[in-house]
Protein backbone atom coordinates (compact mmCIF):
# COMPACT_ATOMS: atom_id res chain seq x y z
CA UNK A 1 9.02 43.60 78.51
CA UNK A 2 12.27 42.35 76.91
CA UNK A 3 11.40 43.93 73.56
CA UNK A 4 10.70 47.24 75.21
CA UNK A 5 14.06 47.27 76.98
CA UNK A 6 15.88 46.22 73.74
CA UNK A 7 14.17 48.91 71.83
CA UNK A 8 15.05 51.54 74.39
CA UNK A 9 18.70 50.49 74.25
CA UNK A 10 18.86 50.67 70.51
CA UNK A 11 17.13 54.11 70.35
CA UNK A 12 19.42 55.50 73.10
CA UNK A 13 22.59 54.25 71.48
CA UNK A 14 21.52 55.44 68.01
CA UNK A 15 20.74 58.88 69.41
CA UNK A 16 24.14 59.17 71.13
CA UNK A 17 25.97 58.04 68.04
CA UNK A 18 24.12 60.58 65.94
CA UNK A 19 24.79 63.40 68.34
CA UNK A 20 28.51 62.44 68.42
CA UNK A 21 28.82 62.32 64.71
CA UNK A 22 27.22 65.76 64.37
CA UNK A 23 29.42 67.15 67.06
CA UNK A 24 32.65 65.77 65.40
CA UNK A 25 31.61 67.02 61.94
CA UNK A 26 30.68 70.52 63.09
CA UNK A 27 33.51 71.37 65.41
CA UNK A 28 35.85 74.07 64.22
CA UNK A 29 39.31 72.76 63.14
CA UNK A 30 42.35 73.55 65.22
CA UNK A 31 43.99 76.63 63.76
CA UNK A 32 47.59 76.81 62.53
CA UNK A 33 49.56 78.32 65.43
CA UNK A 34 51.69 81.51 65.23
CA UNK A 35 55.40 80.94 65.72
CA UNK A 36 56.76 84.38 66.70
CA UNK A 37 58.92 85.31 69.69
CA UNK A 38 60.70 88.35 70.91
CA UNK A 39 63.46 87.67 73.39
CA UNK A 40 63.95 90.43 76.02
CA UNK A 41 67.09 89.52 77.94
CA UNK A 42 68.60 91.17 80.95
CA UNK A 43 72.29 91.90 80.37
CA UNK A 44 72.91 93.70 83.60
CA UNK A 45 76.27 93.25 85.31
CA UNK A 46 74.98 90.60 87.64
CA UNK A 47 74.39 88.28 84.66
CA UNK A 48 78.13 87.72 84.83
CA UNK A 49 77.69 86.07 88.20
CA UNK A 50 77.62 82.38 88.65
CA UNK A 51 74.78 80.06 87.86
CA UNK A 52 73.90 77.86 90.79
CA UNK A 53 74.90 74.23 90.23
CA UNK A 54 72.17 71.74 89.31
CA UNK A 55 71.77 68.52 91.36
CA UNK A 56 73.91 66.56 88.86
CA UNK A 57 76.50 69.24 88.85
CA UNK A 58 76.53 69.26 92.69
CA UNK A 59 77.20 65.51 92.74
CA UNK A 60 80.47 66.08 90.84
CA UNK A 61 81.79 68.57 93.29
CA UNK A 62 84.05 67.91 96.30
CA UNK A 63 82.09 67.49 99.47
CA UNK A 64 83.61 70.51 101.16
CA UNK A 65 82.78 72.83 98.28
CA UNK A 66 79.32 71.44 97.94
CA UNK A 67 78.66 72.16 101.62
CA UNK A 68 80.04 75.64 101.31
CA UNK A 69 77.72 76.49 98.38
CA UNK A 70 74.72 74.96 100.06
CA UNK A 71 75.37 76.92 103.36
CA UNK A 72 75.86 80.08 101.41
CA UNK A 73 72.54 79.70 99.64
CA UNK A 74 70.82 78.85 102.90
CA UNK A 75 72.25 81.94 104.60
CA UNK A 76 71.11 84.19 101.79
CA UNK A 77 67.63 82.65 101.87
CA UNK A 78 67.41 83.23 105.65
CA UNK A 79 68.40 86.93 105.21
CA UNK A 80 65.79 87.37 102.47
CA UNK A 81 63.08 85.87 104.65
CA UNK A 82 63.67 88.51 107.32
CA UNK A 83 63.60 91.49 104.89
CA UNK A 84 60.47 93.42 103.87
CA UNK A 85 59.88 94.33 100.13
CA UNK A 86 61.63 97.74 100.43
CA UNK A 87 64.65 96.22 102.09
CA UNK A 88 64.79 93.44 99.45
CA UNK A 89 64.73 96.16 96.71
CA UNK A 90 67.58 97.94 98.40
CA UNK A 91 69.63 94.82 99.08
CA UNK A 92 69.20 92.98 95.81
CA UNK A 93 69.07 95.93 93.38
CA UNK A 94 72.81 96.53 93.95
CA UNK A 95 72.37 100.15 94.86
CA UNK A 96 76.01 101.10 95.83
CA UNK A 97 76.96 100.74 99.44
CA UNK A 98 73.40 100.61 100.73
CA UNK A 99 73.46 96.79 100.67
CA UNK A 100 76.44 96.65 103.04
CA UNK A 101 74.85 99.24 105.29
CA UNK A 102 71.58 97.33 105.30
CA UNK A 103 73.47 94.07 106.11
CA UNK A 104 75.17 95.72 109.06
CA UNK A 105 71.81 97.17 110.29
CA UNK A 106 69.99 93.85 110.15
CA UNK A 107 73.05 92.16 111.76
CA UNK A 108 72.92 89.23 109.34
CA UNK A 109 75.89 87.09 108.52
CA UNK A 110 76.57 86.15 104.86
CA UNK A 111 79.81 84.27 104.64
CA UNK A 112 82.81 86.14 103.17
CA UNK A 113 80.81 89.16 102.10
CA UNK A 114 83.41 91.48 100.65
CA UNK A 115 81.38 93.63 98.17
CA UNK A 116 78.04 95.41 97.89
CA UNK A 117 76.08 92.41 96.75
CA UNK A 118 76.27 88.85 98.43
CA UNK A 119 76.51 87.21 95.04
CA UNK A 120 79.88 88.70 94.50
CA UNK A 121 81.74 86.41 96.85
CA UNK A 122 79.63 83.52 95.71
CA UNK A 123 80.72 84.17 92.11
CA UNK A 124 84.33 84.21 93.14
CA UNK A 125 83.82 80.88 94.96
CA UNK A 126 82.38 79.23 91.82
CA UNK A 127 85.08 80.86 89.67
CA UNK A 128 87.65 79.03 91.76
CA UNK A 129 85.58 75.87 91.42
CA UNK A 130 85.48 76.30 87.63
CA UNK A 131 89.31 76.44 87.52
CA UNK A 132 89.57 73.23 89.49
CA UNK A 133 87.13 71.37 87.32
CA UNK A 134 88.76 72.64 84.07
CA UNK A 135 92.10 71.18 85.28
CA UNK A 136 90.31 67.83 85.64
CA UNK A 137 88.87 68.05 82.14
CA UNK A 138 85.30 68.92 83.13
CA UNK A 139 83.30 71.91 82.16
CA UNK A 140 81.19 73.99 84.46
CA UNK A 141 78.89 76.85 83.14
CA UNK A 142 79.60 79.72 85.39
CA UNK A 143 77.98 82.81 83.95
CA UNK A 144 74.28 83.34 84.20
CA UNK A 145 74.43 85.08 80.85
CA UNK A 146 75.98 81.98 79.31
CA UNK A 147 73.15 79.88 80.67
CA UNK A 148 70.60 82.41 79.36
CA UNK A 149 72.20 82.26 75.94
CA UNK A 150 71.97 78.50 75.81
CA UNK A 151 68.40 78.53 77.02
CA UNK A 152 67.34 81.13 74.38
CA UNK A 153 69.03 79.07 71.75
CA UNK A 154 67.14 75.99 72.85
CA UNK A 155 63.94 77.95 72.16
CA UNK A 156 65.17 78.90 68.72
CA UNK A 157 65.84 75.25 68.05
CA UNK A 158 62.35 74.38 69.15
CA UNK A 159 60.90 77.08 66.85
CA UNK A 160 62.85 75.57 63.90
CA UNK A 161 61.40 72.13 64.67
CA UNK A 162 57.94 73.67 65.01
CA UNK A 163 58.36 75.02 61.45
CA UNK A 164 58.68 71.53 60.22
CA UNK A 165 55.66 69.93 62.00
CA UNK A 166 53.22 72.88 61.76
CA UNK A 167 54.30 74.31 58.37
CA UNK A 168 54.46 77.84 59.67
CA UNK A 169 57.48 80.16 59.40
CA UNK A 170 59.26 81.01 62.65
CA UNK A 171 60.15 84.68 63.30
CA UNK A 172 62.28 86.00 66.16
CA UNK A 173 63.85 89.11 67.50
CA UNK A 174 66.25 89.93 70.33
CA UNK A 175 66.24 92.80 72.80
CA UNK A 176 68.94 93.17 75.38
CA UNK A 177 68.57 95.72 78.24
CA UNK A 178 70.71 97.00 81.08
CA UNK A 179 70.60 100.20 83.21
CA UNK A 180 71.63 102.61 80.37
CA UNK A 181 68.92 101.41 77.91
CA UNK A 182 68.51 98.65 75.40
CA UNK A 183 69.43 97.35 71.99
CA UNK A 184 67.25 95.45 69.55
CA UNK A 185 67.09 93.57 66.35
CA UNK A 186 64.04 93.28 64.16
CA UNK A 187 61.74 90.32 63.84
CA UNK A 188 63.19 88.13 61.17
CA UNK A 189 62.77 84.67 59.77
CA UNK A 190 66.54 84.34 59.59
CA UNK A 191 67.03 82.45 62.81
CA UNK A 192 70.83 82.05 62.28
CA UNK A 193 71.03 85.86 62.53
CA UNK A 194 69.08 85.74 65.69
CA UNK A 195 71.49 83.15 67.04
CA UNK A 196 74.38 85.41 66.27
CA UNK A 197 72.63 88.16 68.03
CA UNK A 198 72.14 86.10 71.16
CA UNK A 199 75.76 84.87 71.15
CA UNK A 200 77.09 88.39 71.03
CA UNK A 201 75.29 89.52 74.20
CA UNK A 202 77.58 90.93 76.92
CA UNK A 203 76.72 91.79 80.52
CA UNK A 204 77.09 95.41 81.85
CA UNK A 205 75.15 98.03 83.88
CA UNK A 206 71.97 97.97 85.78
CA UNK A 207 68.34 96.67 85.28
CA UNK A 208 65.99 98.76 83.20
CA UNK A 209 63.11 96.41 82.43
CA UNK A 210 60.84 99.23 81.11
CA UNK A 211 63.32 100.06 78.39
CA UNK A 212 63.57 96.45 77.25
CA UNK A 213 59.71 96.20 77.05
CA UNK A 214 59.48 99.44 75.12
CA UNK A 215 61.84 98.21 72.51
CA UNK A 216 59.95 94.92 72.26
CA UNK A 217 56.69 96.54 71.59
CA UNK A 218 58.27 98.75 68.92
CA UNK A 219 59.78 95.61 67.38
CA UNK A 220 56.41 93.94 67.39
CA UNK A 221 54.77 96.93 65.68
CA UNK A 222 57.40 97.09 62.94
CA UNK A 223 57.78 93.40 62.29
CA UNK A 224 54.33 91.70 62.56
CA UNK A 225 50.84 92.20 61.33
CA UNK A 226 48.37 93.46 63.97
CA UNK A 227 46.46 90.12 63.74
CA UNK A 228 49.61 88.16 64.46
CA UNK A 229 49.96 86.84 67.95
CA UNK A 230 53.54 87.55 69.28
CA UNK A 231 55.10 85.98 72.28
CA UNK A 232 57.49 88.14 74.32
CA UNK A 233 59.90 86.17 76.60
CA UNK A 234 61.28 88.43 79.25
CA UNK A 235 64.25 87.21 81.29
CA UNK A 236 65.58 89.14 84.36
CA UNK A 237 67.91 88.24 87.18
CA UNK A 238 67.32 91.22 89.37
CA UNK A 239 65.11 94.17 90.39
CA UNK A 240 64.43 97.39 88.60
CA UNK A 241 67.07 99.95 89.44
CA UNK A 242 66.85 102.21 86.36
CA UNK A 243 64.13 103.74 84.14
CA UNK A 244 60.44 103.28 84.90
CA UNK A 245 59.38 101.92 88.22
CA UNK A 246 57.45 98.67 88.51
CA UNK A 247 54.10 100.39 88.91
CA UNK A 248 54.64 102.43 85.62
CA UNK A 249 55.75 99.24 83.87
CA UNK A 250 52.59 97.43 84.78
CA UNK A 251 50.34 100.41 83.97
CA UNK A 252 51.82 100.83 80.48
CA UNK A 253 52.53 97.28 79.24
CA UNK A 254 49.77 95.29 80.91
CA UNK A 255 47.23 97.49 79.15
CA UNK A 256 48.99 97.67 75.80
CA UNK A 257 49.68 93.88 75.50
CA UNK A 258 46.05 93.14 74.71
CA UNK A 259 45.74 95.95 72.17
CA UNK A 260 48.98 94.71 70.42
CA UNK A 261 48.00 91.08 70.52
CA UNK A 262 51.00 90.22 72.73
CA UNK A 263 51.48 87.58 75.43
CA UNK A 264 54.34 88.25 77.83
CA UNK A 265 56.05 85.23 79.53
CA UNK A 266 58.44 86.23 82.33
CA UNK A 267 61.43 84.30 83.82
CA UNK A 268 63.22 85.19 87.02
CA UNK A 269 66.75 83.76 87.28
CA UNK A 270 69.02 83.68 90.32
CA UNK A 271 70.35 81.67 93.23
CA UNK A 272 67.18 82.40 95.26
CA UNK A 273 63.85 83.89 94.10
CA UNK A 274 64.05 86.90 96.39
CA UNK A 275 66.86 88.30 94.02
CA UNK A 276 64.15 89.05 91.42
CA UNK A 277 60.94 91.15 91.58
CA UNK A 278 58.54 88.27 91.58
CA UNK A 279 55.50 90.50 92.11
CA UNK A 280 56.32 92.53 88.93
CA UNK A 281 57.23 89.60 86.75
CA UNK A 282 54.22 87.56 87.87
CA UNK A 283 51.67 90.30 87.49
CA UNK A 284 53.16 91.32 84.14
CA UNK A 285 52.73 87.78 82.84
CA UNK A 286 49.36 86.96 84.28
CA UNK A 287 47.85 90.25 83.15
CA UNK A 288 48.79 89.57 79.56
CA UNK A 289 47.86 85.89 79.37
CA UNK A 290 51.35 84.63 79.94
CA UNK A 291 53.07 82.77 82.69
CA UNK A 292 55.86 83.42 85.24
CA UNK A 293 58.59 80.93 86.06
CA UNK A 294 61.66 81.01 88.30
CA UNK A 295 64.88 79.26 87.49
CA UNK A 296 68.01 78.68 89.58
CA UNK A 297 69.94 76.32 87.38
CA UNK A 298 70.78 76.03 83.64
CA UNK A 299 68.40 73.13 83.13
CA UNK A 300 65.53 74.92 84.89
CA UNK A 301 66.18 77.95 82.76
CA UNK A 302 66.02 75.93 79.52
CA UNK A 303 62.80 74.38 80.72
CA UNK A 304 61.29 77.86 81.31
CA UNK A 305 62.23 79.09 77.83
CA UNK A 306 60.81 75.98 76.10
CA UNK A 307 57.63 76.25 78.22
CA UNK A 308 57.12 79.58 76.62
CA UNK A 309 57.67 78.02 73.23
CA UNK A 310 54.84 75.55 73.82
CA UNK A 311 52.35 78.20 75.12
CA UNK A 312 53.41 80.52 72.30
CA UNK A 313 52.08 78.02 69.87
CA UNK A 314 48.68 78.16 71.68
CA UNK A 315 49.00 75.00 73.68
CA UNK A 316 48.31 74.26 77.34
CA UNK A 317 50.99 72.58 79.49
CA UNK A 318 49.90 69.14 80.84
CA UNK A 319 53.28 67.76 82.01
CA UNK A 320 56.86 68.97 82.65
CA UNK A 321 59.81 67.46 84.36
CA UNK A 322 63.57 67.67 84.91
CA UNK A 323 65.91 64.65 85.31
CA UNK A 324 69.05 62.95 84.28
CA UNK A 325 69.79 59.79 82.25
CA UNK A 326 72.80 57.47 81.90
CA UNK A 327 74.52 55.99 78.88
CA UNK A 328 72.51 53.15 77.46
CA UNK A 329 69.69 53.63 80.05
CA UNK A 330 66.05 53.23 79.08
CA UNK A 331 63.94 55.30 81.36
CA UNK A 332 60.29 56.21 81.82
CA UNK A 333 60.46 60.05 82.08
CA UNK A 334 56.76 60.74 82.32
CA UNK A 335 53.22 59.39 82.35
CA UNK A 336 50.26 61.03 80.61
CA UNK A 337 46.51 60.62 80.63
CA UNK A 338 45.00 61.82 77.38
CA UNK A 339 41.39 62.76 77.37
CA UNK A 340 38.73 62.50 74.62
CA UNK A 341 38.97 66.18 73.83
CA UNK A 342 42.69 66.37 73.03
CA UNK A 343 43.12 67.41 69.40
CA UNK A 344 46.85 67.65 69.34
CA UNK A 345 49.73 66.49 71.51
CA UNK A 346 53.13 68.21 71.40
CA UNK A 347 56.16 66.72 73.31
CA UNK A 348 59.71 68.13 73.49
CA UNK A 349 62.77 66.38 75.07
CA UNK A 350 65.75 68.76 75.39
CA UNK A 351 69.29 68.08 76.67
CA UNK A 352 72.61 70.02 76.57
CA UNK A 353 74.55 67.68 74.19
CA UNK A 354 75.10 64.06 73.18
CA UNK A 355 72.04 62.11 71.85
CA UNK A 356 68.80 60.86 73.32
CA UNK A 357 65.89 58.95 71.76
CA UNK A 358 62.24 59.26 72.72
CA UNK A 359 59.44 56.79 72.28
CA UNK A 360 55.83 56.52 73.39
CA UNK A 361 54.31 53.43 75.10
CA UNK A 362 50.53 52.99 75.28
CA UNK A 363 48.48 51.63 78.24
CA UNK A 364 48.80 48.10 76.99
CA UNK A 365 52.67 48.34 77.23
CA UNK A 366 53.20 48.52 73.44
CA UNK A 367 55.51 51.10 71.75
CA UNK A 368 53.32 53.36 69.63
CA UNK A 369 54.39 53.03 65.97
CA UNK A 370 56.12 56.13 64.50
CA UNK A 371 53.49 56.08 61.74
CA UNK A 372 51.03 57.42 64.28
CA UNK A 373 52.90 60.72 64.97
CA UNK A 374 55.41 63.13 63.48
CA UNK A 375 58.93 63.06 64.89
CA UNK A 376 61.59 65.65 64.18
CA UNK A 377 65.04 66.11 65.81
CA UNK A 378 68.08 68.25 66.00
CA UNK A 379 71.33 68.18 67.92
CA UNK A 380 69.73 68.64 71.39
CA UNK A 381 65.98 68.28 71.05
CA UNK A 382 63.35 65.73 69.95
CA UNK A 383 59.86 66.97 69.11
CA UNK A 384 56.84 64.75 68.70
CA UNK A 385 53.48 65.89 67.35
CA UNK A 386 50.48 63.64 67.46
CA UNK A 387 47.18 64.58 65.93
CA UNK A 388 43.94 63.22 67.44
CA UNK A 389 45.68 60.91 69.85
CA UNK A 390 43.62 57.95 71.06
CA UNK A 391 42.47 58.70 74.69
CA UNK A 392 44.15 56.62 77.42
CA UNK A 393 47.33 56.31 79.30
CA UNK A 394 50.86 56.83 77.81
CA UNK A 395 54.41 56.59 79.02
CA UNK A 396 57.24 58.70 77.68
CA UNK A 397 60.30 56.48 77.31
CA UNK A 398 63.81 58.04 76.81
CA UNK A 399 66.99 56.20 75.85
CA UNK A 400 70.55 57.36 76.44
CA UNK A 401 71.75 56.59 72.89
CA UNK A 402 75.03 58.53 73.00
CA UNK A 403 76.10 59.94 76.34
CA UNK A 404 79.92 59.95 76.45
CA UNK A 405 79.99 61.95 79.68
CA UNK A 406 78.14 59.02 81.39
CA UNK A 407 75.12 60.97 82.65
CA UNK A 408 73.43 64.09 81.45
CA UNK A 409 70.45 66.20 82.38
CA UNK A 410 67.30 66.68 80.39
CA UNK A 411 63.95 68.53 80.57
CA UNK A 412 60.74 67.17 79.04
CA UNK A 413 57.44 69.06 78.36
CA UNK A 414 54.09 67.95 77.00
CA UNK A 415 51.38 70.33 75.89
CA UNK A 416 48.04 69.87 74.21
CA UNK A 417 45.65 71.73 71.92
CA UNK A 418 41.99 71.05 72.69
CA UNK A 419 39.98 69.65 69.73
CA UNK A 420 36.63 68.10 69.13
CA UNK A 421 35.34 65.70 71.63
CA UNK A 422 35.79 62.14 70.35
CA UNK A 423 32.21 60.94 71.07
CA UNK A 424 32.40 57.86 68.79
CA UNK A 425 35.61 56.63 70.63
CA UNK A 426 34.01 57.52 73.93
CA UNK A 427 30.98 55.39 73.09
CA UNK A 428 33.10 52.48 71.84
CA UNK A 429 35.37 52.55 74.93
CA UNK A 430 32.41 52.76 77.34
CA UNK A 431 29.83 50.65 75.54
CA UNK A 432 29.34 48.19 78.40
CA UNK A 433 28.85 51.02 80.99
CA UNK A 434 26.35 52.75 78.56
CA UNK A 435 24.42 49.56 77.86
CA UNK A 436 24.13 48.72 81.58
CA UNK A 437 23.14 52.21 82.35
CA UNK A 438 20.45 52.36 79.71
CA UNK A 439 19.12 48.90 80.70
CA UNK A 440 18.85 49.90 84.32
CA UNK A 441 17.04 53.10 83.44
CA UNK A 442 14.71 51.26 81.06
CA UNK A 443 14.12 48.57 83.70
CA UNK A 444 13.41 51.10 86.38
CA UNK A 445 10.93 53.03 84.11
CA UNK A 446 9.12 49.74 83.25
CA UNK A 447 8.95 48.76 86.92
CA UNK A 448 7.46 52.22 87.90
CA UNK A 449 4.94 51.96 85.06
CA UNK A 450 3.89 48.46 86.05
CA UNK A 451 3.67 49.38 89.68
CA UNK A 452 1.46 52.41 88.91
CA UNK A 453 -0.72 50.26 86.75
CA UNK A 454 -1.15 47.71 89.53
CA UNK A 455 -2.32 50.36 91.99
CA UNK A 456 -4.95 51.82 89.62
CA UNK A 457 -8.47 50.60 90.53
CA UNK A 458 -10.04 48.46 87.80
CA UNK A 459 -12.98 50.17 86.00
CA UNK A 460 -16.38 48.56 86.63
CA UNK A 461 -18.02 46.92 83.66
CA UNK A 462 -21.36 48.38 82.73
CA UNK A 463 -24.33 46.15 83.40
CA UNK A 464 -27.16 45.62 81.00
CA UNK A 465 -30.76 44.91 82.06
CA UNK A 466 -32.80 42.61 80.06
């Protein structure tokens, strides 16, 4: 009995180990990711309006101004909730005096509305706030276009870091679009030239998303091989009011994306989500294998751009978060549970300035040695790449190394590339459970055999006659 069970255990374990070894040795390696992005940025006149303050920025405002801004946003949200899609298109597309007429017809009250679009007075309010803050030595990022530039530059910084850890050249191009058309630069590996192009963007005119996408696809054809996967990052703060209508945009570019090996990530940017055409942006992204995100603040916008950078490398997002950190503070900014099929882990920590450090802590509470991963860093981002991470729980630990402003915001993203299932580690980590399971199974089988034997009638012995 004992020998039978022991033999069954040994055979089962050896079989599992053999299968695991074969699976690990015959799984295709993780391919080197593409690192190409085309920025398609809305530069319509509304991009000169104010970026809504983040929670940290709100804390720094006088109470009366904070209350005024919050009430204004709430009033605009209430208005949007009562409008149907056609009315939202009229109201938020900035179509001349129709917005004022619609406001009168629906008898809604937006505080201090003095122009066609409700954001106008909001922008004036924040402009006044900016002047007050500048007098006190503080800086406030007012323009949505300014926030968009910084977010796009953060993705450029990420692409440069990815060059170092993946060994693949980064290529980028910039398309800007407004109501009168679009302008573009070719895909290039000269990322400093791309930075200059982004810095030079100016806001004017209406919103012609179709024109921007048309130029992006032309840029893709001219600058990349057909086999290259190219990531288009489309940012818009409004609704289409020039060029092709949303139905035509979807009809053309949703179909062409697959043929051109293109993924489109879309980002809506505004004080409230009703300002953008969520239905268009979301369907455009999902139909091309991309994702849609909405951002109201500068930090949320940077998070959205960097998310696109992760998925553009072929990874899947497993964690993302926004937060703030103090000078000298050590803070757990995220927890991860890594499975046995994670082939690669990619982590980015981004902040607007100063200097932060990032460490990994394992489930036993020990800091993971830097020899177990690759870490690269620039002026506002840390990137960690870990190949074949050991399965288990991890903590992301940030440290406010140099934060002269006292407190600053950050965003953190973790993505993974699936790899071969680590069957050997799985067996080692779960050996006790496996042994007990096999023992129970073997014991049950032995018991059933013995029980069946006991019920079988004994054969009669033949008799001999003498």
